[in-house]
PDB file of N, CA and C in Angstrom:
ATOM      1  N   MET A   1     -11.241   0.292  11.110  1.00  0.00           N
ATOM      2  CA  MET A   1     -10.813  -0.973  10.446  1.00  0.00           C
ATOM      3  C   MET A   1     -11.642  -1.486   9.681  1.00  0.00           C
ATOM      4  N   ALA A   2     -10.882  -2.340   8.799  1.00  0.00           N
ATOM      5  CA  ALA A   2     -12.297  -3.486   7.522  1.00  0.00           C
ATOM      6  C   ALA A   2     -12.567  -4.378   8.251  1.00  0.00           C
ATOM      7  N   THR A   3     -13.648  -4.647   7.767  1.00  0.00           N
ATOM      8  CA  THR A   3     -14.911  -5.568   8.324  1.00  0.00           C
ATOM      9  C   THR A   3     -14.985  -6.777   7.456  1.00  0.00           C
ATOM     10  N   HIS A   4     -15.045  -6.033   6.291  1.00  0.00           N
ATOM     11  CA  HIS A   4     -14.956  -7.450   5.002  1.00  0.00           C
ATOM     12  C   HIS A   4     -13.997  -8.117   4.890  1.00  0.00           C
ATOM     13  N   LYS A   5     -14.341  -9.328   4.461  1.00  0.00           N
ATOM     14  CA  LYS A   5     -13.213 -10.388   4.163  1.00  0.00           C
ATOM     15  C   LYS A   5     -12.026  -9.992   3.413  1.00  0.00           C
ATOM     16  N   SER A   6     -13.077  -9.355   2.364  1.00  0.00           N
ATOM     17  CA  SER A   6     -11.779  -9.359   0.914  1.00  0.00           C
ATOM     18  C   SER A   6     -10.863  -8.176   1.875  1.00  0.00           C
ATOM     19  N   ALA A   7     -11.620  -7.070   2.356  1.00  0.00           N
ATOM     20  CA  ALA A   7     -10.570  -6.048   2.546  1.00  0.00           C
ATOM     21  C   ALA A   7      -9.357  -6.546   3.679  1.00  0.00           C
ATOM     22  N   LEU A   8     -10.166  -7.292   4.667  1.00  0.00           N
ATOM     23  CA  LEU A   8      -9.086  -7.715   5.348  1.00  0.00           C
ATOM     24  C   LEU A   8      -7.853  -8.891   4.743  1.00  0.00           C
ATOM     25  N   LYS A   9      -8.279  -9.283   3.702  1.00  0.00           N
ATOM     26  CA  LYS A   9      -7.251  -9.572   2.770  1.00  0.00           C
ATOM     27  C   LYS A   9      -6.280  -9.177   2.068  1.00  0.00           C
ATOM     28  N   ARG A  10      -6.735  -7.840   1.720  1.00  0.00           N
ATOM     29  CA  ARG A  10      -5.961  -7.030   0.947  1.00  0.00           C
ATOM     30  C   ARG A  10      -5.146  -6.456   1.557  1.00  0.00           C
ATOM     31  N   ILE A  11      -5.806  -6.046   2.765  1.00  0.00           N
ATOM     32  CA  ILE A  11      -4.585  -4.937   4.394  1.00  0.00           C
ATOM     33  C   ILE A  11      -3.570  -6.110   4.171  1.00  0.00           C
ATOM     34  N   ARG A  12      -4.271  -7.352   4.735  1.00  0.00           N
ATOM     35  CA  ARG A  12      -2.697  -8.452   4.588  1.00  0.00           C
ATOM     36  C   ARG A  12      -1.522  -8.539   3.340  1.00  0.00           C
ATOM     37  N   GLN A  13      -2.428  -8.386   1.992  1.00  0.00           N
ATOM     38  CA  GLN A  13      -1.223  -8.661   0.606  1.00  0.00           C
ATOM     39  C   GLN A  13      -0.596  -7.498   0.828  1.00  0.00           C
ATOM     40  N   ASN A  14      -1.126  -6.070   1.442  1.00  0.00           N
ATOM     41  CA  ASN A  14      -0.560  -4.978   0.942  1.00  0.00           C
ATOM     42  C   ASN A  14       0.584  -5.305   2.095  1.00  0.00           C
ATOM     43  N   GLU A  15       0.454  -5.576   3.340  1.00  0.00           N
ATOM     44  CA  GLU A  15       1.474  -5.115   3.898  1.00  0.00           C
ATOM     45  C   GLU A  15       2.595  -6.695   3.856  1.00  0.00           C
ATOM     46  N   LYS A  16       2.316  -7.405   3.524  1.00  0.00           N
ATOM     47  CA  LYS A  16       3.499  -8.315   2.886  1.00  0.00           C
ATOM     48  C   LYS A  16       4.124  -7.826   1.354  1.00  0.00           C
ATOM     49  N   ARG A  17       3.443  -6.930   0.715  1.00  0.00           N
ATOM     50  CA  ARG A  17       3.992  -6.668  -0.584  1.00  0.00           C
ATOM     51  C   ARG A  17       4.777  -5.260  -0.167  1.00  0.00           C
ATOM     52  N   ARG A  18       4.499  -4.703   0.743  1.00  0.00           N
ATOM     53  CA  ARG A  18       5.301  -3.611   1.209  1.00  0.00           C
ATOM     54  C   ARG A  18       6.535  -4.203   1.891  1.00  0.00           C
ATOM     55  N   LEU A  19       6.892  -5.011   2.896  1.00  0.00           N
ATOM     56  CA  LEU A  19       8.110  -5.559   3.193  1.00  0.00           C
ATOM     57  C   LEU A  19       8.736  -6.509   2.424  1.00  0.00           C
ATOM     58  N   HIS A  20       8.260  -6.665   1.520  1.00  0.00           N
ATOM     59  CA  HIS A  20       9.241  -7.260   0.431  1.00  0.00           C
ATOM     60  C   HIS A  20       9.430  -6.275  -0.614  1.00  0.00           C
ATOM     61  N   ASN A  21       8.805  -4.895  -1.144  1.00  0.00           N
ATOM     62  CA  ASN A  21       9.719  -4.110  -1.616  1.00  0.00           C
ATOM     63  C   ASN A  21      10.535  -3.246  -0.696  1.00  0.00           C
ATOM     64  N   ARG A  22      10.264  -3.363   0.669  1.00  0.00           N
ATOM     65  CA  ARG A  22      10.753  -2.499   1.175  1.00  0.00           C
ATOM     66  C   ARG A  22      12.718  -3.170   0.835  1.00  0.00           C
ATOM     67  N   THR A  23      12.512  -4.425   0.930  1.00  0.00           N
ATOM     68  CA  THR A  23      14.284  -4.868   0.620  1.00  0.00           C
ATOM     69  C   THR A  23      14.830  -4.040  -0.400  1.00  0.00           C
ATOM     70  N   TYR A  24      14.020  -4.332  -1.578  1.00  0.00           N
ATOM     71  CA  TYR A  24      14.818  -3.704  -2.820  1.00  0.00           C
ATOM     72  C   TYR A  24      14.875  -2.415  -2.680  1.00  0.00           C
ATOM     73  N   ARG A  25      13.657  -1.478  -2.237  1.00  0.00           N
ATOM     74  CA  ARG A  25      14.159  -0.438  -2.349  1.00  0.00           C
ATOM     75  C   ARG A  25      15.294   0.114  -1.356  1.00  0.00           C
ATOM     76  N   ASN A  26      15.463  -0.480  -0.523  1.00  0.00           N
ATOM     77  CA  ASN A  26      16.662  -0.484   0.138  1.00  0.00           C
ATOM     78  C   ASN A  26      17.794  -0.809   0.163  1.00  0.00           C
ATOM     79  N   ARG A  27      18.107  -1.523  -0.626  1.00  0.00           N
ATOM     80  CA  ARG A  27      19.166  -2.195  -1.702  1.00  0.00           C
ATOM     81  C   ARG A  27      19.512  -0.975  -2.983  1.00  0.00           C
ATOM     82  N   ALA A  28      18.554  -0.720  -3.566  1.00  0.00           N
ATOM     83  CA  ALA A  28      18.942   0.507  -4.397  1.00  0.00           C
ATOM     84  C   ALA A  28      19.488   1.176  -3.772  1.00  0.00           C
ATOM     85  N   ARG A  29      18.829   1.991  -2.689  1.00  0.00           N
ATOM     86  CA  ARG A  29      19.240   3.369  -1.960  1.00  0.00           C
ATOM     87  C   ARG A  29      21.273   3.006  -1.680  1.00  0.00           C
ATOM     88  N   THR A  30      21.294   1.648  -1.181  1.00  0.00           N
ATOM     89  CA  THR A  30      22.455   1.281  -0.669  1.00  0.00           C
ATOM     90  C   THR A  30      23.594   1.544  -2.061  1.00  0.00           C
ATOM     91  N   LEU A  31      23.194   0.771  -3.301  1.00  0.00           N
ATOM     92  CA  LEU A  31      24.050   1.250  -4.602  1.00  0.00           C
ATOM     93  C   LEU A  31      24.216   2.255  -4.684  1.00  0.00           C
ATOM     94  N   VAL A  32      23.031   3.518  -4.842  1.00  0.00           N
ATOM     95  CA  VAL A  32      23.305   4.767  -4.931  1.00  0.00           C
ATOM     96  C   VAL A  32      24.517   4.888  -4.302  1.00  0.00           C
ATOM     97  N   LYS A  33      24.269   5.072  -2.876  1.00  0.00           N
ATOM     98  CA  LYS A  33      25.131   5.503  -2.019  1.00  0.00           C
ATOM     99  C   LYS A  33      27.025   5.208  -2.292  1.00  0.00           C
ATOM    100  N   LYS A  34      26.537   3.628  -2.678  1.00  0.00           N
ATOM    101  CA  LYS A  34      27.982   3.514  -2.772  1.00  0.00           C
ATOM    102  C   LYS A  34      28.690   4.075  -4.333  1.00  0.00           C
ATOM    103  N   ALA A  35      27.713   4.161  -5.185  1.00  0.00           N
ATOM    104  CA  ALA A  35      27.852   4.750  -6.634  1.00  0.00           C
ATOM    105  C   ALA A  35      28.601   6.311  -6.178  1.00  0.00           C
ATOM    106  N   ARG A  36      27.627   7.222  -5.469  1.00  0.00           N
ATOM    107  CA  ARG A  36      28.193   8.416  -5.092  1.00  0.00           C
ATOM    108  C   ARG A  36      29.576   8.606  -4.447  1.00  0.00           C
ATOM    109  N   ALA A  37      30.027   7.745  -3.269  1.00  0.00           N
ATOM    110  CA  ALA A  37      31.158   7.072  -2.794  1.00  0.00           C
ATOM    111  C   ALA A  37      32.225   7.282  -3.616  1.00  0.00           C
ATOM    112  N   ALA A  38      31.819   6.518  -4.838  1.00  0.00           N
ATOM    113  CA  ALA A  38      33.170   6.265  -5.412  1.00  0.00           C
ATOM    114  C   ALA A  38      33.255   7.277  -6.073  1.00  0.00           C
ATOM    115  N   ILE A  39      32.383   7.897  -7.016  1.00  0.00           N
ATOM    116  CA  ILE A  39      31.899   8.869  -7.596  1.00  0.00           C
ATOM    117  C   ILE A  39      33.277  10.043  -6.703  1.00  0.00           C
ATOM    118  N   GLU A  40      32.772  10.222  -5.641  1.00  0.00           N
ATOM    119  CA  GLU A  40      33.408  11.278  -4.961  1.00  0.00           C
ATOM    120  C   GLU A  40      35.118  11.049  -4.664  1.00  0.00           C
ATOM    121  N   SER A  41      35.411   9.661  -4.050  1.00  0.00           N
ATOM    122  CA  SER A  41      36.615   9.121  -4.213  1.00  0.00           C
ATOM    123  C   SER A  41      36.885   9.557  -4.996  1.00  0.00           C
ATOM    124  N   GLY A  42      36.790   9.751  -6.510  1.00  0.00           N
ATOM    125  CA  GLY A  42      37.751  10.046  -7.730  1.00  0.00           C
ATOM    126  C   GLY A  42      38.222   8.663  -8.837  1.00  0.00           C
ATOM    127  N   ASN A  43      37.912   7.885  -8.099  1.00  0.00           N
ATOM    128  CA  ASN A  43      38.436   6.153  -8.991  1.00  0.00           C
ATOM    129  C   ASN A  43      37.130   6.289  -9.816  1.00  0.00           C
ATOM    130  N   LEU A  44      37.649   6.469 -10.990  1.00  0.00           N
ATOM    131  CA  LEU A  44      37.169   6.616 -12.096  1.00  0.00           C
ATOM    132  C   LEU A  44      36.200   5.069 -12.658  1.00  0.00           C
ATOM    133  N   ASP A  45      37.385   4.276 -12.585  1.00  0.00           N
ATOM    134  CA  ASP A  45      37.087   2.768 -13.089  1.00  0.00           C
ATOM    135  C   ASP A  45      36.089   2.378 -11.980  1.00  0.00           C
ATOM    136  N   GLU A  46      36.219   2.357 -10.538  1.00  0.00           N
ATOM    137  CA  GLU A  46      35.375   2.101  -9.198  1.00  0.00           C
ATOM    138  C   GLU A  46      34.178   3.008  -9.196  1.00  0.00           C
ATOM    139  N   ALA A  47      34.176   4.089 -10.280  1.00  0.00           N
ATOM    140  CA  ALA A  47      32.525   5.124  -9.784  1.00  0.00           C
ATOM    141  C   ALA A  47      31.886   4.554 -11.429  1.00  0.00           C
ATOM    142  N   ARG A  48      32.608   4.123 -12.626  1.00  0.00           N
ATOM    143  CA  ARG A  48      31.576   3.635 -13.870  1.00  0.00           C
ATOM    144  C   ARG A  48      30.818   2.206 -13.180  1.00  0.00           C
ATOM    145  N   GLN A  49      32.271   1.367 -12.374  1.00  0.00           N
ATOM    146  CA  GLN A  49      31.248  -0.019 -12.432  1.00  0.00           C
ATOM    147  C   GLN A  49      29.963   0.097 -11.084  1.00  0.00           C
ATOM    148  N   ALA A  50      30.236   1.057 -10.192  1.00  0.00           N
ATOM    149  CA  ALA A  50      29.382   0.964  -9.256  1.00  0.00           C
ATOM    150  C   ALA A  50      28.117   1.540  -9.782  1.00  0.00           C
ATOM    151  N   THR A  51      28.610   2.675 -10.473  1.00  0.00           N
ATOM    152  CA  THR A  51      27.285   3.367 -11.155  1.00  0.00           C
ATOM    153  C   THR A  51      26.237   2.604 -12.104  1.00  0.00           C
ATOM    154  N   ARG A  52      27.173   1.945 -12.905  1.00  0.00           N
ATOM    155  CA  ARG A  52      26.623   0.496 -13.728  1.00  0.00           C
ATOM    156  C   ARG A  52      25.702  -0.289 -12.925  1.00  0.00           C
ATOM    157  N   ILE A  53      26.152  -0.468 -11.873  1.00  0.00           N
ATOM    158  CA  ILE A  53      25.181  -1.695 -10.934  1.00  0.00           C
ATOM    159  C   ILE A  53      24.094  -0.952 -10.332  1.00  0.00           C
ATOM    160  N   ALA A  54      23.927   0.257  -9.966  1.00  0.00           N
ATOM    161  CA  ALA A  54      23.011   0.905  -9.612  1.00  0.00           C
ATOM    162  C   ALA A  54      22.352   1.218 -10.586  1.00  0.00           C
ATOM    163  N   THR A  55      22.725   1.640 -11.740  1.00  0.00           N
ATOM    164  CA  THR A  55      21.823   2.090 -12.567  1.00  0.00           C
ATOM    165  C   THR A  55      20.998   0.764 -12.928  1.00  0.00           C
ATOM    166  N   ARG A  56      20.879  -0.266 -13.173  1.00  0.00           N
ATOM    167  CA  ARG A  56      20.847  -1.496 -13.671  1.00  0.00           C
ATOM    168  C   ARG A  56      19.694  -1.915 -12.613  1.00  0.00           C
ATOM    169  N   ASP A  57      19.737  -1.735 -11.376  1.00  0.00           N
ATOM    170  CA  ASP A  57      18.896  -2.163  -9.837  1.00  0.00           C
ATOM    171  C   ASP A  57      17.760  -1.255 -10.173  1.00  0.00           C
ATOM    172  N   LEU A  58      18.126   0.181 -11.023  1.00  0.00           N
ATOM    173  CA  LEU A  58      17.342   1.086 -10.537  1.00  0.00           C
ATOM    174  C   LEU A  58      15.702   0.452 -11.546  1.00  0.00           C
ATOM    175  N   ASP A  59      16.887   0.065 -12.953  1.00  0.00           N
ATOM    176  CA  ASP A  59      15.924  -0.028 -14.033  1.00  0.00           C
ATOM    177  C   ASP A  59      15.231  -1.119 -13.279  1.00  0.00           C
ATOM    178  N   LYS A  60      15.810  -2.177 -12.854  1.00  0.00           N
ATOM    179  CA  LYS A  60      14.675  -3.766 -12.393  1.00  0.00           C
ATOM    180  C   LYS A  60      13.843  -3.191 -11.496  1.00  0.00           C
ATOM    181  N   LEU A  61      13.761  -2.151 -10.881  1.00  0.00           N
ATOM    182  CA  LEU A  61      12.862  -1.860  -9.736  1.00  0.00           C
ATOM    183  C   LEU A  61      11.923  -1.169 -10.304  1.00  0.00           C
ATOM    184  N   ALA A  62      12.311  -0.443 -11.236  1.00  0.00           N
ATOM    185  CA  ALA A  62      11.237   0.667 -12.291  1.00  0.00           C
ATOM    186  C   ALA A  62      10.190  -0.594 -12.750  1.00  0.00           C
ATOM    187  N   SER A  63      10.876  -1.400 -13.595  1.00  0.00           N
ATOM    188  CA  SER A  63      10.169  -2.429 -13.909  1.00  0.00           C
ATOM    189  C   SER A  63       8.913  -3.333 -13.510  1.00  0.00           C
ATOM    190  N   ARG A  64       9.618  -3.736 -12.521  1.00  0.00           N
ATOM    191  CA  ARG A  64       8.822  -4.446 -11.751  1.00  0.00           C
ATOM    192  C   ARG A  64       7.777  -3.491 -10.718  1.00  0.00           C
ATOM    193  N   GLY A  65       7.552  -2.268 -10.906  1.00  0.00           N
ATOM    194  CA  GLY A  65       6.738  -1.361  -9.890  1.00  0.00           C
ATOM    195  C   GLY A  65       6.871  -1.377  -8.856  1.00  0.00           C
ATOM    196  N   ILE A  66       8.060  -1.408  -8.101  1.00  0.00           N
ATOM    197  CA  ILE A  66       8.185  -1.226  -6.771  1.00  0.00           C
ATOM    198  C   ILE A  66       8.691   0.130  -6.805  1.00  0.00           C
ATOM    199  N   VAL A  67       9.498   1.144  -8.041  1.00  0.00           N
ATOM    200  CA  VAL A  67       9.822   2.549  -7.392  1.00  0.00           C
ATOM    201  C   VAL A  67       9.021   3.171  -9.310  1.00  0.00           C
ATOM    202  N   HIS A  68       8.789   4.407  -8.976  1.00  0.00           N
ATOM    203  CA  HIS A  68       8.167   4.658 -10.637  1.00  0.00           C
ATOM    204  C   HIS A  68       9.151   5.098 -11.140  1.00  0.00           C
ATOM    205  N   LYS A  69       8.681   4.752 -12.729  1.00  0.00           N
ATOM    206  CA  LYS A  69       9.958   5.035 -13.887  1.00  0.00           C
ATOM    207  C   LYS A  69      10.448   6.552 -13.830  1.00  0.00           C
ATOM    208  N   ARG A  70       9.918   7.258 -13.480  1.00  0.00           N
ATOM    209  CA  ARG A  70      10.092   8.636 -13.155  1.00  0.00           C
ATOM    210  C   ARG A  70      11.500   8.854 -12.523  1.00  0.00           C
ATOM    211  N   ASN A  71      10.439   8.178 -11.465  1.00  0.00           N
ATOM    212  CA  ASN A  71      11.760   8.200  -9.887  1.00  0.00           C
ATOM    213  C   ASN A  71      13.059   7.755 -10.230  1.00  0.00           C
ATOM    214  N   ALA A  72      12.975   6.447 -11.082  1.00  0.00           N
ATOM    215  CA  ALA A  72      14.080   5.697 -11.253  1.00  0.00           C
ATOM    216  C   ALA A  72      15.193   6.284 -12.265  1.00  0.00           C
ATOM    217  N   ALA A  73      14.311   7.035 -13.226  1.00  0.00           N
ATOM    218  CA  ALA A  73      15.215   7.867 -14.436  1.00  0.00           C
ATOM    219  C   ALA A  73      15.669   9.134 -13.437  1.00  0.00           C
ATOM    220  N   ARG A  74      14.965   9.446 -12.673  1.00  0.00           N
ATOM    221  CA  ARG A  74      15.732  10.504 -12.350  1.00  0.00           C
ATOM    222  C   ARG A  74      17.291  10.590 -11.460  1.00  0.00           C
ATOM    223  N   ARG A  75      17.004   9.607 -10.783  1.00  0.00           N
ATOM    224  CA  ARG A  75      17.622   8.988  -9.781  1.00  0.00           C
ATOM    225  C   ARG A  75      19.372   8.624 -10.303  1.00  0.00           C
ATOM    226  N   LYS A  76      18.748   8.257 -12.100  1.00  0.00           N
ATOM    227  CA  LYS A  76      19.745   7.447 -12.783  1.00  0.00           C
ATOM    228  C   LYS A  76      20.537   8.767 -13.526  1.00  0.00           C
ATOM    229  N   SER A  77      19.670   9.896 -13.586  1.00  0.00           N
ATOM    230  CA  SER A  77      19.899  11.261 -14.465  1.00  0.00           C
ATOM    231  C   SER A  77      20.966  11.944 -13.193  1.00  0.00           C
ATOM    232  N   ARG A  78      20.734  11.726 -12.245  1.00  0.00           N
ATOM    233  CA  ARG A  78      21.472  12.754 -11.406  1.00  0.00           C
ATOM    234  C   ARG A  78      22.846  11.766 -10.779  1.00  0.00           C
ATOM    235  N   LEU A  79      22.996  10.708 -11.273  1.00  0.00           N
ATOM    236  CA  LEU A  79      24.513   9.904 -10.824  1.00  0.00           C
ATOM    237  C   LEU A  79      25.482  10.090 -12.270  1.00  0.00           C
ATOM    238  N   MET A  80      24.608   9.915 -13.722  1.00  0.00           N
ATOM    239  CA  MET A  80      25.268   9.941 -14.718  1.00  0.00           C
ATOM    240  C   MET A  80      25.590  11.527 -14.721  1.00  0.00           C
ATOM    241  N   LYS A  81      25.252  12.464 -14.391  1.00  0.00           N
ATOM    242  CA  LYS A  81      25.507  13.698 -14.067  1.00  0.00           C
ATOM    243  C   LYS A  81      26.755  14.071 -13.388  1.00  0.00           C
ATOM    244  N   GLN A  82      26.843  13.190 -12.250  1.00  0.00           N
ATOM    245  CA  GLN A  82      27.967  13.113 -11.499  1.00  0.00           C
ATOM    246  C   GLN A  82      29.017  12.438 -12.171  1.00  0.00           C
ATOM    247  N   LEU A  83      28.914  11.412 -12.463  1.00  0.00           N
ATOM    248  CA  LEU A  83      30.093  10.883 -13.518  1.00  0.00           C
ATOM    249  C   LEU A  83      30.577  11.746 -14.194  1.00  0.00           C
ATOM    250  N   ALA A  84      29.532  12.226 -15.432  1.00  0.00           N
ATOM    251  CA  ALA A  84      30.165  13.022 -16.060  1.00  0.00           C
ATOM    252  C   ALA A  84      31.158  14.116 -15.719  1.00  0.00           C
ATOM    253  N   ALA A  85      30.830  14.408 -14.699  1.00  0.00           N
ATOM    254  CA  ALA A  85      31.362  15.915 -14.022  1.00  0.00           C
ATOM    255  C   ALA A  85      32.963  15.108 -13.447  1.00  0.00           C
ATOM    256  N   LEU A  86      32.701  14.221 -13.099  1.00  0.00           N
ATOM    257  CA  LEU A  86      34.325  13.192 -12.771  1.00  0.00           C
ATOM    258  C   LEU A  86      35.200  13.155 -14.166  1.00  0.00           C
ATOM    259  N   GLU A  87      34.467  12.281 -15.304  1.00  0.00           N
ATOM    260  CA  GLU A  87      35.197  12.125 -16.539  1.00  0.00           C
ATOM    261  C   GLU A  87      35.551  13.505 -16.829  1.00  0.00           C
ATOM    262  N   ALA A  88      35.240  14.347 -16.894  1.00  0.00           N
ATOM    263  CA  ALA A  88      35.538  15.784 -17.360  1.00  0.00           C
ATOM    264  C   ALA A  88      36.447  16.322 -16.624  1.00  0.00           C
TER     265      ALA A  88
END
């Protein structure tokens, strides 16, 4: 366990940030799941809407540093690939 005052403060800050970021990460996962469900249902308009919302949320997370930018890009790419397959 840390004994320095600054290290103890850093531990407190990291825990607070982890809990804060977790809510955003969970929301992104939920939105991606909703988009996948909409794509699997076959409803094109609903799938486009859900994918757009999930993509926007992933972009926000990446810009804030909650999720790595390549992680967000990979998730968006997979979603768009599934959407394109539905449209074809």
